[in-house]
Full PDB file with SEQRES, HELIX, SHEET, SSBOND, CRYST1, ORIGX, SCALE, CONECT and MASTER records, all heavy atoms in Angstrom:
SEQRES   1 A   34  SER CYS ALA ALA SER GLY PHE ILE PHE LYS ILE TYR THR          
SEQRES   2 A   34  MET GLY TRP TYR ARG GLN ALA PRO GLY LYS GLN ARG ASP          
SEQRES   3 A   34  PHE VAL ALA ARG VAL THR SER GLY                              
HELIX    1 AA1 PHE A    9  ILE A   11  5                                   3    
SHEET    1 AA1 2 MET A  14  ARG A  18  0                                        
SHEET    2 AA1 2 ASP A  26  VAL A  31 -1                                        
CRYST1    1.000    1.000    1.000  90.00  90.00  90.00 P 1           1          
ORIGX1      1.000000  0.000000  0.000000        0.00000                         
ORIGX2      0.000000  1.000000  0.000000        0.00000                         
ORIGX3      0.000000  0.000000  1.000000        0.00000                         
SCALE1      1.000000  0.000000  0.000000        0.00000                         
SCALE2      0.000000  1.000000  0.000000        0.00000                         
SCALE3      0.000000  0.000000  1.000000        0.00000                         
ATOM      1  N   SER A   1     110.813  59.777  81.422  1.00  0.00           N  
ATOM      2  CA  SER A   1     111.761  60.848  81.157  1.00  0.00           C  
ATOM      3  C   SER A   1     111.873  61.124  79.672  1.00  0.00           C  
ATOM      4  O   SER A   1     111.762  60.193  78.873  1.00  0.00           O  
ATOM      5  CB  SER A   1     113.157  60.498  81.735  1.00  0.00           C  
ATOM      6  OG  SER A   1     113.110  60.303  83.118  1.00  0.00           O  
ATOM      7  N   CYS A   2     112.121  62.347  79.337  1.00  0.00           N  
ATOM      8  CA  CYS A   2     112.417  62.744  77.943  1.00  0.00           C  
ATOM      9  C   CYS A   2     113.630  63.612  77.942  1.00  0.00           C  
ATOM     10  O   CYS A   2     113.626  64.714  78.488  1.00  0.00           O  
ATOM     11  CB  CYS A   2     111.262  63.472  77.334  1.00  0.00           C  
ATOM     12  SG  CYS A   2     111.566  64.183  75.695  1.00  0.00           S  
ATOM     13  N   ALA A   3     114.705  63.109  77.399  1.00  0.00           N  
ATOM     14  CA  ALA A   3     115.957  63.781  77.269  1.00  0.00           C  
ATOM     15  C   ALA A   3     115.989  64.542  75.916  1.00  0.00           C  
ATOM     16  O   ALA A   3     115.807  63.974  74.879  1.00  0.00           O  
ATOM     17  CB  ALA A   3     117.132  62.843  77.371  1.00  0.00           C  
ATOM     18  N   ALA A   4     116.221  65.840  75.988  1.00  0.00           N  
ATOM     19  CA  ALA A   4     116.139  66.713  74.827  1.00  0.00           C  
ATOM     20  C   ALA A   4     117.516  67.280  74.449  1.00  0.00           C  
ATOM     21  O   ALA A   4     118.325  67.537  75.343  1.00  0.00           O  
ATOM     22  CB  ALA A   4     115.150  67.835  75.062  1.00  0.00           C  
ATOM     23  N   SER A   5     117.719  67.496  73.169  1.00  0.00           N  
ATOM     24  CA  SER A   5     118.913  68.114  72.669  1.00  0.00           C  
ATOM     25  C   SER A   5     118.663  68.734  71.310  1.00  0.00           C  
ATOM     26  O   SER A   5     117.660  68.447  70.672  1.00  0.00           O  
ATOM     27  CB  SER A   5     120.086  67.078  72.582  1.00  0.00           C  
ATOM     28  OG  SER A   5     119.760  66.064  71.636  1.00  0.00           O  
ATOM     29  N   GLY A   6     119.559  69.602  70.911  1.00  0.00           N  
ATOM     30  CA  GLY A   6     119.438  70.187  69.579  1.00  0.00           C  
ATOM     31  C   GLY A   6     118.683  71.473  69.522  1.00  0.00           C  
ATOM     32  O   GLY A   6     118.480  72.044  68.412  1.00  0.00           O  
ATOM     33  N   PHE A   7     118.228  72.011  70.636  1.00  0.00           N  
ATOM     34  CA  PHE A   7     117.514  73.265  70.669  1.00  0.00           C  
ATOM     35  C   PHE A   7     117.663  73.864  72.059  1.00  0.00           C  
ATOM     36  O   PHE A   7     118.111  73.192  72.992  1.00  0.00           O  
ATOM     37  CB  PHE A   7     116.050  73.124  70.309  1.00  0.00           C  
ATOM     38  CG  PHE A   7     115.249  72.253  71.235  1.00  0.00           C  
ATOM     39  CD1 PHE A   7     114.419  72.795  72.214  1.00  0.00           C  
ATOM     40  CD2 PHE A   7     115.349  70.848  71.164  1.00  0.00           C  
ATOM     41  CE1 PHE A   7     113.680  71.991  73.049  1.00  0.00           C  
ATOM     42  CE2 PHE A   7     114.605  70.046  72.005  1.00  0.00           C  
ATOM     43  CZ  PHE A   7     113.753  70.629  72.953  1.00  0.00           C  
ATOM     44  N   ILE A   8     117.270  75.137  72.202  1.00  0.00           N  
ATOM     45  CA  ILE A   8     117.391  75.791  73.512  1.00  0.00           C  
ATOM     46  C   ILE A   8     116.193  75.372  74.368  1.00  0.00           C  
ATOM     47  O   ILE A   8     115.161  76.015  74.417  1.00  0.00           O  
ATOM     48  CB  ILE A   8     117.448  77.307  73.332  1.00  0.00           C  
ATOM     49  CG1 ILE A   8     118.540  77.690  72.355  1.00  0.00           C  
ATOM     50  CG2 ILE A   8     117.698  77.981  74.684  1.00  0.00           C  
ATOM     51  CD1 ILE A   8     118.623  79.173  72.028  1.00  0.00           C  
ATOM     52  N   PHE A   9     116.381  74.256  75.053  1.00  0.00           N  
ATOM     53  CA  PHE A   9     115.280  73.628  75.785  1.00  0.00           C  
ATOM     54  C   PHE A   9     114.576  74.558  76.724  1.00  0.00           C  
ATOM     55  O   PHE A   9     113.351  74.531  76.829  1.00  0.00           O  
ATOM     56  CB  PHE A   9     115.904  72.427  76.556  1.00  0.00           C  
ATOM     57  CG  PHE A   9     114.919  71.673  77.439  1.00  0.00           C  
ATOM     58  CD1 PHE A   9     114.087  70.699  76.893  1.00  0.00           C  
ATOM     59  CD2 PHE A   9     114.843  71.988  78.780  1.00  0.00           C  
ATOM     60  CE1 PHE A   9     113.190  70.040  77.712  1.00  0.00           C  
ATOM     61  CE2 PHE A   9     113.962  71.247  79.595  1.00  0.00           C  
ATOM     62  CZ  PHE A   9     113.151  70.293  79.078  1.00  0.00           C  
ATOM     63  N   LYS A  10     115.327  75.360  77.435  1.00  0.00           N  
ATOM     64  CA  LYS A  10     114.746  76.115  78.565  1.00  0.00           C  
ATOM     65  C   LYS A  10     113.705  77.165  78.173  1.00  0.00           C  
ATOM     66  O   LYS A  10     112.959  77.634  79.045  1.00  0.00           O  
ATOM     67  CB  LYS A  10     115.869  76.788  79.399  1.00  0.00           C  
ATOM     68  CG  LYS A  10     116.622  77.864  78.623  1.00  0.00           C  
ATOM     69  CD  LYS A  10     117.712  78.446  79.518  1.00  0.00           C  
ATOM     70  CE  LYS A  10     118.451  79.561  78.766  1.00  0.00           C  
ATOM     71  NZ  LYS A  10     119.545  80.122  79.599  1.00  0.00           N  
ATOM     72  N   ILE A  11     113.619  77.525  76.882  1.00  0.00           N  
ATOM     73  CA  ILE A  11     112.671  78.528  76.466  1.00  0.00           C  
ATOM     74  C   ILE A  11     111.372  77.994  75.856  1.00  0.00           C  
ATOM     75  O   ILE A  11     110.451  78.749  75.535  1.00  0.00           O  
ATOM     76  CB  ILE A  11     113.309  79.535  75.502  1.00  0.00           C  
ATOM     77  CG1 ILE A  11     113.535  78.897  74.111  1.00  0.00           C  
ATOM     78  CG2 ILE A  11     114.595  80.105  76.075  1.00  0.00           C  
ATOM     79  CD1 ILE A  11     113.974  79.907  73.074  1.00  0.00           C  
ATOM     80  N   TYR A  12     111.260  76.695  75.789  1.00  0.00           N  
ATOM     81  CA  TYR A  12     110.137  76.061  75.126  1.00  0.00           C  
ATOM     82  C   TYR A  12     109.212  75.316  76.061  1.00  0.00           C  
ATOM     83  O   TYR A  12     109.658  74.660  76.988  1.00  0.00           O  
ATOM     84  CB  TYR A  12     110.592  75.104  74.011  1.00  0.00           C  
ATOM     85  CG  TYR A  12     111.208  75.757  72.833  1.00  0.00           C  
ATOM     86  CD1 TYR A  12     112.581  75.885  72.682  1.00  0.00           C  
ATOM     87  CD2 TYR A  12     110.430  76.296  71.804  1.00  0.00           C  
ATOM     88  CE1 TYR A  12     113.151  76.517  71.580  1.00  0.00           C  
ATOM     89  CE2 TYR A  12     110.936  76.961  70.712  1.00  0.00           C  
ATOM     90  CZ  TYR A  12     112.332  77.043  70.614  1.00  0.00           C  
ATOM     91  OH  TYR A  12     112.870  77.688  69.528  1.00  0.00           O  
ATOM     92  N   THR A  13     107.893  75.391  75.752  1.00  0.00           N  
ATOM     93  CA  THR A  13     106.947  74.508  76.375  1.00  0.00           C  
ATOM     94  C   THR A  13     107.106  73.118  75.853  1.00  0.00           C  
ATOM     95  O   THR A  13     107.323  72.909  74.665  1.00  0.00           O  
ATOM     96  CB  THR A  13     105.497  75.041  76.085  1.00  0.00           C  
ATOM     97  OG1 THR A  13     105.322  76.256  76.725  1.00  0.00           O  
ATOM     98  CG2 THR A  13     104.461  74.051  76.592  1.00  0.00           C  
ATOM     99  N   MET A  14     107.057  72.113  76.719  1.00  0.00           N  
ATOM    100  CA  MET A  14     107.215  70.752  76.385  1.00  0.00           C  
ATOM    101  C   MET A  14     105.935  69.993  76.734  1.00  0.00           C  
ATOM    102  O   MET A  14     105.259  70.330  77.723  1.00  0.00           O  
ATOM    103  CB  MET A  14     108.395  70.107  77.109  1.00  0.00           C  
ATOM    104  CG  MET A  14     109.780  70.721  76.791  1.00  0.00           C  
ATOM    105  SD  MET A  14     110.229  70.574  75.067  1.00  0.00           S  
ATOM    106  CE  MET A  14     110.384  68.819  74.918  1.00  0.00           C  
ATOM    107  N   GLY A  15     105.645  68.932  75.982  1.00  0.00           N  
ATOM    108  CA  GLY A  15     104.423  68.225  76.221  1.00  0.00           C  
ATOM    109  C   GLY A  15     104.632  66.698  76.156  1.00  0.00           C  
ATOM    110  O   GLY A  15     105.598  66.193  75.687  1.00  0.00           O  
ATOM    111  N   TRP A  16     103.645  66.008  76.737  1.00  0.00           N  
ATOM    112  CA  TRP A  16     103.548  64.558  76.656  1.00  0.00           C  
ATOM    113  C   TRP A  16     102.199  64.214  76.009  1.00  0.00           C  
ATOM    114  O   TRP A  16     101.140  64.772  76.318  1.00  0.00           O  
ATOM    115  CB  TRP A  16     103.614  63.882  78.037  1.00  0.00           C  
ATOM    116  CG  TRP A  16     104.951  63.819  78.655  1.00  0.00           C  
ATOM    117  CD1 TRP A  16     105.502  64.684  79.601  1.00  0.00           C  
ATOM    118  CD2 TRP A  16     105.982  62.822  78.422  1.00  0.00           C  
ATOM    119  NE1 TRP A  16     106.735  64.308  79.877  1.00  0.00           N  
ATOM    120  CE2 TRP A  16     107.070  63.160  79.221  1.00  0.00           C  
ATOM    121  CE3 TRP A  16     106.010  61.697  77.623  1.00  0.00           C  
ATOM    122  CZ2 TRP A  16     108.231  62.373  79.246  1.00  0.00           C  
ATOM    123  CZ3 TRP A  16     107.174  60.947  77.587  1.00  0.00           C  
ATOM    124  CH2 TRP A  16     108.272  61.306  78.423  1.00  0.00           C  
ATOM    125  N   TYR A  17     102.269  63.256  75.075  1.00  0.00           N  
ATOM    126  CA  TYR A  17     101.086  62.748  74.402  1.00  0.00           C  
ATOM    127  C   TYR A  17     101.128  61.209  74.505  1.00  0.00           C  
ATOM    128  O   TYR A  17     102.168  60.627  74.779  1.00  0.00           O  
ATOM    129  CB  TYR A  17     101.028  63.170  72.938  1.00  0.00           C  
ATOM    130  CG  TYR A  17     100.734  64.620  72.699  1.00  0.00           C  
ATOM    131  CD1 TYR A  17     101.666  65.624  73.039  1.00  0.00           C  
ATOM    132  CD2 TYR A  17      99.523  65.020  72.112  1.00  0.00           C  
ATOM    133  CE1 TYR A  17     101.378  66.969  72.812  1.00  0.00           C  
ATOM    134  CE2 TYR A  17      99.257  66.339  71.858  1.00  0.00           C  
ATOM    135  CZ  TYR A  17     100.158  67.308  72.206  1.00  0.00           C  
ATOM    136  OH  TYR A  17      99.862  68.640  71.986  1.00  0.00           O  
ATOM    137  N   ARG A  18      99.970  60.595  74.205  1.00  0.00           N  
ATOM    138  CA  ARG A  18      99.954  59.147  74.219  1.00  0.00           C  
ATOM    139  C   ARG A  18      99.058  58.626  73.080  1.00  0.00           C  
ATOM    140  O   ARG A  18      98.098  59.306  72.666  1.00  0.00           O  
ATOM    141  CB  ARG A  18      99.495  58.581  75.571  1.00  0.00           C  
ATOM    142  CG  ARG A  18      98.052  58.902  75.944  1.00  0.00           C  
ATOM    143  CD  ARG A  18      97.789  58.480  77.363  1.00  0.00           C  
ATOM    144  NE  ARG A  18      96.415  58.764  77.791  1.00  0.00           N  
ATOM    145  CZ  ARG A  18      95.970  58.546  78.984  1.00  0.00           C  
ATOM    146  NH1 ARG A  18      96.802  58.121  79.959  1.00  0.00           N  
ATOM    147  NH2 ARG A  18      94.720  58.844  79.309  1.00  0.00           N  
ATOM    148  N   GLN A  19      99.345  57.425  72.632  1.00  0.00           N  
ATOM    149  CA  GLN A  19      98.566  56.833  71.529  1.00  0.00           C  
ATOM    150  C   GLN A  19      98.418  55.363  71.821  1.00  0.00           C  
ATOM    151  O   GLN A  19      99.407  54.588  71.905  1.00  0.00           O  
ATOM    152  CB  GLN A  19      99.267  57.053  70.219  1.00  0.00           C  
ATOM    153  CG  GLN A  19      98.429  56.611  68.980  1.00  0.00           C  
ATOM    154  CD  GLN A  19      99.071  57.116  67.702  1.00  0.00           C  
ATOM    155  OE1 GLN A  19     100.244  57.399  67.623  1.00  0.00           O  
ATOM    156  NE2 GLN A  19      98.262  57.204  66.660  1.00  0.00           N  
ATOM    157  N   ALA A  20      97.169  54.902  71.902  1.00  0.00           N  
ATOM    158  CA  ALA A  20      96.859  53.510  72.035  1.00  0.00           C  
ATOM    159  C   ALA A  20      96.593  52.959  70.629  1.00  0.00           C  
ATOM    160  O   ALA A  20      96.298  53.669  69.707  1.00  0.00           O  
ATOM    161  CB  ALA A  20      95.628  53.356  72.892  1.00  0.00           C  
ATOM    162  N   PRO A  21      96.757  51.618  70.490  1.00  0.00           N  
ATOM    163  CA  PRO A  21      96.530  51.013  69.181  1.00  0.00           C  
ATOM    164  C   PRO A  21      95.195  51.365  68.557  1.00  0.00           C  
ATOM    165  O   PRO A  21      94.130  51.241  69.235  1.00  0.00           O  
ATOM    166  CB  PRO A  21      96.634  49.513  69.443  1.00  0.00           C  
ATOM    167  CG  PRO A  21      97.541  49.430  70.650  1.00  0.00           C  
ATOM    168  CD  PRO A  21      97.162  50.618  71.482  1.00  0.00           C  
ATOM    169  N   GLY A  22      95.139  51.777  67.328  1.00  0.00           N  
ATOM    170  CA  GLY A  22      93.921  52.108  66.651  1.00  0.00           C  
ATOM    171  C   GLY A  22      93.301  53.433  67.030  1.00  0.00           C  
ATOM    172  O   GLY A  22      92.216  53.770  66.542  1.00  0.00           O  
ATOM    173  N   LYS A  23      93.980  54.219  67.883  1.00  0.00           N  
ATOM    174  CA  LYS A  23      93.419  55.498  68.301  1.00  0.00           C  
ATOM    175  C   LYS A  23      94.364  56.648  67.904  1.00  0.00           C  
ATOM    176  O   LYS A  23      95.543  56.425  67.589  1.00  0.00           O  
ATOM    177  CB  LYS A  23      93.204  55.455  69.799  1.00  0.00           C  
ATOM    178  CG  LYS A  23      92.163  54.455  70.255  1.00  0.00           C  
ATOM    179  CD  LYS A  23      91.905  54.598  71.753  1.00  0.00           C  
ATOM    180  CE  LYS A  23      90.842  53.638  72.231  1.00  0.00           C  
ATOM    181  NZ  LYS A  23      90.550  53.737  73.685  1.00  0.00           N  
ATOM    182  N   GLN A  24      93.840  57.829  67.984  1.00  0.00           N  
ATOM    183  CA  GLN A  24      94.653  59.030  67.688  1.00  0.00           C  
ATOM    184  C   GLN A  24      95.593  59.317  68.833  1.00  0.00           C  
ATOM    185  O   GLN A  24      95.382  58.855  69.967  1.00  0.00           O  
ATOM    186  CB  GLN A  24      93.790  60.205  67.376  1.00  0.00           C  
ATOM    187  CG  GLN A  24      92.973  60.707  68.528  1.00  0.00           C  
ATOM    188  CD  GLN A  24      92.091  61.889  68.166  1.00  0.00           C  
ATOM    189  OE1 GLN A  24      92.109  62.378  67.070  1.00  0.00           O  
ATOM    190  NE2 GLN A  24      91.343  62.395  69.135  1.00  0.00           N  
ATOM    191  N   ARG A  25      96.603  60.147  68.528  1.00  0.00           N  
ATOM    192  CA  ARG A  25      97.491  60.594  69.558  1.00  0.00           C  
ATOM    193  C   ARG A  25      96.836  61.698  70.354  1.00  0.00           C  
ATOM    194  O   ARG A  25      96.439  62.732  69.814  1.00  0.00           O  
ATOM    195  CB  ARG A  25      98.805  61.053  68.923  1.00  0.00           C  
ATOM    196  CG  ARG A  25      99.906  61.328  69.861  1.00  0.00           C  
ATOM    197  CD  ARG A  25     101.230  61.586  69.183  1.00  0.00           C  
ATOM    198  NE  ARG A  25     101.660  60.372  68.419  1.00  0.00           N  
ATOM    199  CZ  ARG A  25     102.839  60.280  67.795  1.00  0.00           C  
ATOM    200  NH1 ARG A  25     103.690  61.294  67.824  1.00  0.00           N  
ATOM    201  NH2 ARG A  25     103.122  59.172  67.146  1.00  0.00           N  
ATOM    202  N   ASP A  26      96.778  61.506  71.665  1.00  0.00           N  
ATOM    203  CA  ASP A  26      96.049  62.455  72.531  1.00  0.00           C  
ATOM    204  C   ASP A  26      96.972  63.221  73.449  1.00  0.00           C  
ATOM    205  O   ASP A  26      97.972  62.652  73.938  1.00  0.00           O  
ATOM    206  CB  ASP A  26      94.997  61.735  73.371  1.00  0.00           C  
ATOM    207  CG  ASP A  26      93.874  61.172  72.602  1.00  0.00           C  
ATOM    208  OD1 ASP A  26      93.484  61.752  71.568  1.00  0.00           O  
ATOM    209  OD2 ASP A  26      93.280  60.155  73.009  1.00  0.00           O  
ATOM    210  N   PHE A  27      96.633  64.435  73.694  1.00  0.00           N  
ATOM    211  CA  PHE A  27      97.325  65.278  74.675  1.00  0.00           C  
ATOM    212  C   PHE A  27      97.183  64.650  76.064  1.00  0.00           C  
ATOM    213  O   PHE A  27      96.115  64.302  76.508  1.00  0.00           O  
ATOM    214  CB  PHE A  27      96.803  66.671  74.632  1.00  0.00           C  
ATOM    215  CG  PHE A  27      97.256  67.541  75.744  1.00  0.00           C  
ATOM    216  CD1 PHE A  27      98.518  68.112  75.741  1.00  0.00           C  
ATOM    217  CD2 PHE A  27      96.392  67.829  76.839  1.00  0.00           C  
ATOM    218  CE1 PHE A  27      98.969  68.945  76.751  1.00  0.00           C  
ATOM    219  CE2 PHE A  27      96.846  68.661  77.850  1.00  0.00           C  
ATOM    220  CZ  PHE A  27      98.101  69.157  77.842  1.00  0.00           C  
ATOM    221  N   VAL A  28      98.327  64.701  76.835  1.00  0.00           N  
ATOM    222  CA  VAL A  28      98.338  64.243  78.218  1.00  0.00           C  
ATOM    223  C   VAL A  28      98.665  65.418  79.123  1.00  0.00           C  
ATOM    224  O   VAL A  28      97.943  65.644  80.091  1.00  0.00           O  
ATOM    225  CB  VAL A  28      99.340  63.086  78.419  1.00  0.00           C  
ATOM    226  CG1 VAL A  28      99.479  62.755  79.900  1.00  0.00           C  
ATOM    227  CG2 VAL A  28      98.957  61.895  77.609  1.00  0.00           C  
ATOM    228  N   ALA A  29      99.788  66.097  78.882  1.00  0.00           N  
ATOM    229  CA  ALA A  29     100.189  67.150  79.750  1.00  0.00           C  
ATOM    230  C   ALA A  29     101.235  68.043  79.038  1.00  0.00           C  
ATOM    231  O   ALA A  29     101.869  67.601  78.093  1.00  0.00           O  
ATOM    232  CB  ALA A  29     100.817  66.633  81.024  1.00  0.00           C  
ATOM    233  N   ARG A  30     101.333  69.293  79.488  1.00  0.00           N  
ATOM    234  CA  ARG A  30     102.391  70.130  78.996  1.00  0.00           C  
ATOM    235  C   ARG A  30     102.897  71.006  80.160  1.00  0.00           C  
ATOM    236  O   ARG A  30     102.178  71.183  81.147  1.00  0.00           O  
ATOM    237  CB  ARG A  30     101.929  71.033  77.833  1.00  0.00           C  
ATOM    238  CG  ARG A  30     100.875  72.076  78.196  1.00  0.00           C  
ATOM    239  CD  ARG A  30     100.548  72.966  76.996  1.00  0.00           C  
ATOM    240  NE  ARG A  30      99.557  74.011  77.327  1.00  0.00           N  
ATOM    241  CZ  ARG A  30      98.250  73.892  77.104  1.00  0.00           C  
ATOM    242  NH1 ARG A  30      97.762  72.792  76.517  1.00  0.00           N  
ATOM    243  NH2 ARG A  30      97.432  74.892  77.444  1.00  0.00           N  
ATOM    244  N   VAL A  31     104.096  71.493  79.988  1.00  0.00           N  
ATOM    245  CA  VAL A  31     104.689  72.358  81.022  1.00  0.00           C  
ATOM    246  C   VAL A  31     105.429  73.497  80.299  1.00  0.00           C  
ATOM    247  O   VAL A  31     106.201  73.239  79.385  1.00  0.00           O  
ATOM    248  CB  VAL A  31     105.596  71.553  81.955  1.00  0.00           C  
ATOM    249  CG1 VAL A  31     106.733  70.859  81.209  1.00  0.00           C  
ATOM    250  CG2 VAL A  31     106.119  72.441  83.085  1.00  0.00           C  
ATOM    251  N   THR A  32     105.188  74.741  80.725  1.00  0.00           N  
ATOM    252  CA  THR A  32     105.798  75.882  80.150  1.00  0.00           C  
ATOM    253  C   THR A  32     107.289  75.943  80.515  1.00  0.00           C  
ATOM    254  O   THR A  32     107.805  75.229  81.426  1.00  0.00           O  
ATOM    255  CB  THR A  32     105.152  77.172  80.555  1.00  0.00           C  
ATOM    256  OG1 THR A  32     105.367  77.433  81.941  1.00  0.00           O  
ATOM    257  CG2 THR A  32     103.621  77.094  80.291  1.00  0.00           C  
ATOM    258  N   SER A  33     107.985  76.892  79.911  1.00  0.00           N  
ATOM    259  CA  SER A  33     109.390  77.081  80.210  1.00  0.00           C  
ATOM    260  C   SER A  33     109.629  77.423  81.692  1.00  0.00           C  
ATOM    261  O   SER A  33     110.645  77.061  82.260  1.00  0.00           O  
ATOM    262  CB  SER A  33     110.009  78.147  79.314  1.00  0.00           C  
ATOM    263  OG  SER A  33     109.337  79.392  79.547  1.00  0.00           O  
ATOM    264  N   GLY A  34     108.613  78.073  82.309  1.00  0.00           N  
ATOM    265  CA  GLY A  34     108.701  78.444  83.731  1.00  0.00           C  
ATOM    266  C   GLY A  34     108.152  77.449  84.687  1.00  0.00           C  
ATOM    267  O   GLY A  34     108.231  77.656  85.859  1.00  0.00           O  
TER     268      GLY A  34                                                      
MASTER        0    0    0    1    2    0    0    6  267    1    0    3          
END                                                                             
């Protein structure tokens, strides 16, 4: 879960990324406002 605050959450695309030790941060998934 990711709890968000401080902006108008409902109008923004949100994403998940992951980073393993020694590796770059990689895209996992995103979801649009809709």
